Amino acid sequence: MTIVSDDPAWWPVINLDRFASYFPVAAFVAVTYDWSLTFGQEVELIWRQRWSLMTVLYLSVRYLGILYAAMSILGMSP
């Protein structure tokens, strides 16, 4: 059985939790915006060049970071 409490003592905690949940979304938006601005240069300078270890490391850090941010945002939903 779920107990619903309207105790005002919990309001600051709820507001802080809600405020803290905005940060991952803001970070994801900033990273996606950066990705959209630099994608043309990435294609020219990374994708069209000969592949090396640095190319693989760059792409894995770049795209796994975006994927991780998206998954953490989706994991926050109830």
N, C-alpha and C. Protein backbone atom coordinates (compact mmCIF):
# COMPACT_ATOMS: atom_id res chain seq x y z
N MET A 1 0.84 -1.17 0.00
CA MET A 1 0.00 0.00 0.00
C MET A 1 0.89 1.24 0.00
N THR A 2 0.61 2.17 -0.85
CA THR A 2 1.37 3.40 -0.96
C THR A 2 0.81 4.45 -0.01
N ILE A 3 1.71 5.09 0.71
CA ILE A 3 1.31 6.16 1.62
C ILE A 3 1.74 7.48 1.00
N VAL A 4 0.80 8.37 0.82
CA VAL A 4 1.08 9.69 0.26
C VAL A 4 1.13 10.68 1.41
N SER A 5 2.23 11.41 1.49
CA SER A 5 2.41 12.37 2.56
C SER A 5 2.48 13.77 1.97
N ASP A 6 1.80 14.70 2.60
CA ASP A 6 1.85 16.09 2.18
C ASP A 6 2.59 16.92 3.22
N ASP A 7 3.60 16.30 3.80
CA ASP A 7 4.39 16.95 4.85
C ASP A 7 5.29 18.02 4.23
N PRO A 8 5.17 19.28 4.64
CA PRO A 8 6.00 20.35 4.07
C PRO A 8 7.49 20.19 4.34
N ALA A 9 7.86 19.34 5.26
CA ALA A 9 9.28 19.13 5.54
C ALA A 9 9.99 18.47 4.36
N TRP A 10 9.26 17.73 3.53
CA TRP A 10 9.85 17.05 2.38
C TRP A 10 9.96 17.94 1.15
N TRP A 11 9.31 19.08 1.13
CA TRP A 11 9.31 19.92 -0.06
C TRP A 11 10.69 20.38 -0.49
N PRO A 12 11.58 20.81 0.42
CA PRO A 12 12.93 21.18 -0.03
C PRO A 12 13.70 20.02 -0.63
N VAL A 13 13.51 18.83 -0.10
CA VAL A 13 14.19 17.65 -0.63
C VAL A 13 13.69 17.34 -2.04
N ILE A 14 12.39 17.43 -2.22
CA ILE A 14 11.80 17.17 -3.53
C ILE A 14 12.25 18.22 -4.54
N ASN A 15 12.27 19.47 -4.13
CA ASN A 15 12.72 20.53 -5.03
C ASN A 15 14.19 20.37 -5.41
N LEU A 16 15.03 19.98 -4.45
CA LEU A 16 16.45 19.76 -4.74
C LEU A 16 16.64 18.60 -5.70
N ASP A 17 15.89 17.53 -5.50
CA ASP A 17 15.97 16.38 -6.40
C ASP A 17 15.53 16.75 -7.81
N ARG A 18 14.46 17.51 -7.91
CA ARG A 18 13.98 17.94 -9.22
C ARG A 18 14.99 18.86 -9.89
N PHE A 19 15.57 19.78 -9.12
CA PHE A 19 16.57 20.70 -9.65
C PHE A 19 17.81 19.94 -10.12
N ALA A 20 18.25 18.95 -9.36
CA ALA A 20 19.43 18.16 -9.72
C ALA A 20 19.19 17.33 -10.96
N SER A 21 17.95 16.96 -11.23
CA SER A 21 17.67 16.16 -12.42
C SER A 21 17.78 16.97 -13.71
N TYR A 22 17.83 18.29 -13.60
CA TYR A 22 17.99 19.12 -14.80
C TYR A 22 19.41 19.08 -15.35
N PHE A 23 20.40 18.80 -14.51
CA PHE A 23 21.79 18.85 -14.94
C PHE A 23 22.14 17.80 -16.00
N PRO A 24 21.75 16.54 -15.88
CA PRO A 24 22.05 15.59 -16.95
C PRO A 24 21.38 15.97 -18.27
N VAL A 25 20.19 16.50 -18.21
CA VAL A 25 19.51 16.92 -19.44
C VAL A 25 20.24 18.09 -20.07
N ALA A 26 20.66 19.06 -19.26
CA ALA A 26 21.41 20.21 -19.79
C ALA A 26 22.74 19.77 -20.38
N ALA A 27 23.42 18.83 -19.74
CA ALA A 27 24.69 18.33 -20.27
C ALA A 27 24.48 17.61 -21.59
N PHE A 28 23.42 16.81 -21.68
CA PHE A 28 23.13 16.10 -22.93
C PHE A 28 22.83 17.08 -24.05
N VAL A 29 22.08 18.12 -23.76
CA VAL A 29 21.77 19.14 -24.78
C VAL A 29 23.04 19.84 -25.23
N ALA A 30 23.92 20.18 -24.30
CA ALA A 30 25.17 20.86 -24.66
C ALA A 30 26.07 19.97 -25.51
N VAL A 31 26.19 18.70 -25.16
CA VAL A 31 27.02 17.78 -25.93
C VAL A 31 26.43 17.55 -27.31
N THR A 32 25.12 17.41 -27.40
CA THR A 32 24.48 17.21 -28.69
C THR A 32 24.62 18.45 -29.57
N TYR A 33 24.51 19.62 -28.98
CA TYR A 33 24.70 20.87 -29.72
C TYR A 33 26.13 20.96 -30.24
N ASP A 34 27.10 20.64 -29.40
CA ASP A 34 28.50 20.64 -29.83
C ASP A 34 28.72 19.63 -30.95
N TRP A 35 28.12 18.47 -30.82
CA TRP A 35 28.26 17.44 -31.84
C TRP A 35 27.69 17.92 -33.17
N SER A 36 26.53 18.58 -33.14
CA SER A 36 25.92 19.05 -34.38
C SER A 36 26.74 20.16 -35.03
N LEU A 37 27.42 20.98 -34.23
CA LEU A 37 28.24 22.05 -34.80
C LEU A 37 29.53 21.52 -35.43
N THR A 38 30.10 20.48 -34.86
CA THR A 38 31.40 20.01 -35.32
C THR A 38 31.32 18.76 -36.19
N PHE A 39 30.13 18.30 -36.52
CA PHE A 39 30.01 17.05 -37.28
C PHE A 39 30.63 17.16 -38.66
N GLY A 40 30.47 18.30 -39.34
CA GLY A 40 31.06 18.47 -40.67
C GLY A 40 32.57 18.37 -40.63
N GLN A 41 33.18 18.99 -39.66
CA GLN A 41 34.64 18.90 -39.51
C GLN A 41 35.07 17.49 -39.13
N GLU A 42 34.25 16.83 -38.33
CA GLU A 42 34.58 15.46 -37.93
C GLU A 42 34.59 14.54 -39.14
N VAL A 43 33.61 14.68 -40.01
CA VAL A 43 33.57 13.84 -41.21
C VAL A 43 34.80 14.09 -42.06
N GLU A 44 35.14 15.35 -42.24
CA GLU A 44 36.28 15.70 -43.09
C GLU A 44 37.62 15.27 -42.47
N LEU A 45 37.79 15.50 -41.19
CA LEU A 45 39.10 15.28 -40.57
C LEU A 45 39.28 13.90 -39.95
N ILE A 46 38.21 13.24 -39.59
CA ILE A 46 38.33 11.94 -38.92
C ILE A 46 37.88 10.79 -39.81
N TRP A 47 36.66 10.87 -40.32
CA TRP A 47 36.08 9.75 -41.05
C TRP A 47 36.76 9.51 -42.40
N ARG A 48 37.20 10.55 -43.07
CA ARG A 48 37.78 10.39 -44.41
C ARG A 48 39.27 10.12 -44.40
N GLN A 49 39.89 10.13 -43.25
CA GLN A 49 41.32 9.86 -43.15
C GLN A 49 41.55 8.37 -42.90
N ARG A 50 42.80 7.97 -43.05
CA ARG A 50 43.15 6.59 -42.77
C ARG A 50 42.94 6.31 -41.28
N TRP A 51 42.34 5.16 -40.97
CA TRP A 51 42.02 4.85 -39.59
C TRP A 51 43.27 4.44 -38.83
N SER A 52 43.35 4.91 -37.60
CA SER A 52 44.46 4.56 -36.71
C SER A 52 43.89 4.32 -35.32
N LEU A 53 44.78 4.04 -34.39
CA LEU A 53 44.34 3.85 -33.01
C LEU A 53 43.70 5.12 -32.46
N MET A 54 44.27 6.26 -32.79
CA MET A 54 43.72 7.53 -32.30
C MET A 54 42.33 7.80 -32.87
N THR A 55 42.09 7.40 -34.11
CA THR A 55 40.76 7.55 -34.70
C THR A 55 39.73 6.73 -33.93
N VAL A 56 40.07 5.50 -33.65
CA VAL A 56 39.17 4.62 -32.91
C VAL A 56 38.93 5.15 -31.50
N LEU A 57 39.98 5.61 -30.84
CA LEU A 57 39.82 6.16 -29.49
C LEU A 57 38.95 7.41 -29.50
N TYR A 58 39.19 8.30 -30.46
CA TYR A 58 38.39 9.52 -30.56
C TYR A 58 36.91 9.20 -30.76
N LEU A 59 36.62 8.33 -31.71
CA LEU A 59 35.23 8.00 -32.01
C LEU A 59 34.56 7.27 -30.85
N SER A 60 35.29 6.39 -30.18
CA SER A 60 34.67 5.68 -29.06
C SER A 60 34.38 6.62 -27.90
N VAL A 61 35.29 7.53 -27.59
CA VAL A 61 35.04 8.48 -26.51
C VAL A 61 33.88 9.40 -26.87
N ARG A 62 33.85 9.85 -28.11
CA ARG A 62 32.83 10.81 -28.53
C ARG A 62 31.44 10.18 -28.52
N TYR A 63 31.29 9.02 -29.15
CA TYR A 63 29.96 8.45 -29.30
C TYR A 63 29.51 7.64 -28.10
N LEU A 64 30.41 7.03 -27.38
CA LEU A 64 30.00 6.34 -26.16
C LEU A 64 29.58 7.33 -25.08
N GLY A 65 30.18 8.51 -25.08
CA GLY A 65 29.76 9.55 -24.13
C GLY A 65 28.35 10.03 -24.39
N ILE A 66 28.04 10.24 -25.66
CA ILE A 66 26.68 10.66 -26.03
C ILE A 66 25.68 9.55 -25.69
N LEU A 67 26.05 8.32 -26.00
CA LEU A 67 25.17 7.19 -25.70
C LEU A 67 24.96 7.04 -24.19
N TYR A 68 26.02 7.20 -23.41
CA TYR A 68 25.91 7.10 -21.96
C TYR A 68 25.00 8.19 -21.40
N ALA A 69 25.14 9.41 -21.91
CA ALA A 69 24.29 10.51 -21.44
C ALA A 69 22.82 10.23 -21.76
N ALA A 70 22.55 9.74 -22.95
CA ALA A 70 21.17 9.44 -23.33
C ALA A 70 20.60 8.32 -22.46
N MET A 71 21.39 7.29 -22.20
CA MET A 71 20.90 6.18 -21.39
C MET A 71 20.68 6.60 -19.93
N SER A 72 21.52 7.49 -19.42
CA SER A 72 21.32 7.93 -18.03
C SER A 72 20.07 8.79 -17.91
N ILE A 73 19.77 9.58 -18.93
CA ILE A 73 18.53 10.37 -18.91
C ILE A 73 17.32 9.45 -18.98
N LEU A 74 17.38 8.45 -19.85
CA LEU A 74 16.26 7.52 -19.95
C LEU A 74 16.10 6.69 -18.67
N GLY A 75 17.20 6.43 -17.99
CA GLY A 75 17.15 5.67 -16.74
C GLY A 75 16.55 6.45 -15.59
N MET A 76 16.51 7.77 -15.70
CA MET A 76 15.95 8.60 -14.64
C MET A 76 14.43 8.63 -14.67
N SER A 77 13.84 8.29 -15.81
CA SER A 77 12.38 8.39 -15.90
C SER A 77 11.73 7.31 -15.03
N PRO A 78 10.60 7.64 -14.42
CA PRO A 78 9.95 6.68 -13.52
C PRO A 78 9.30 5.52 -14.24
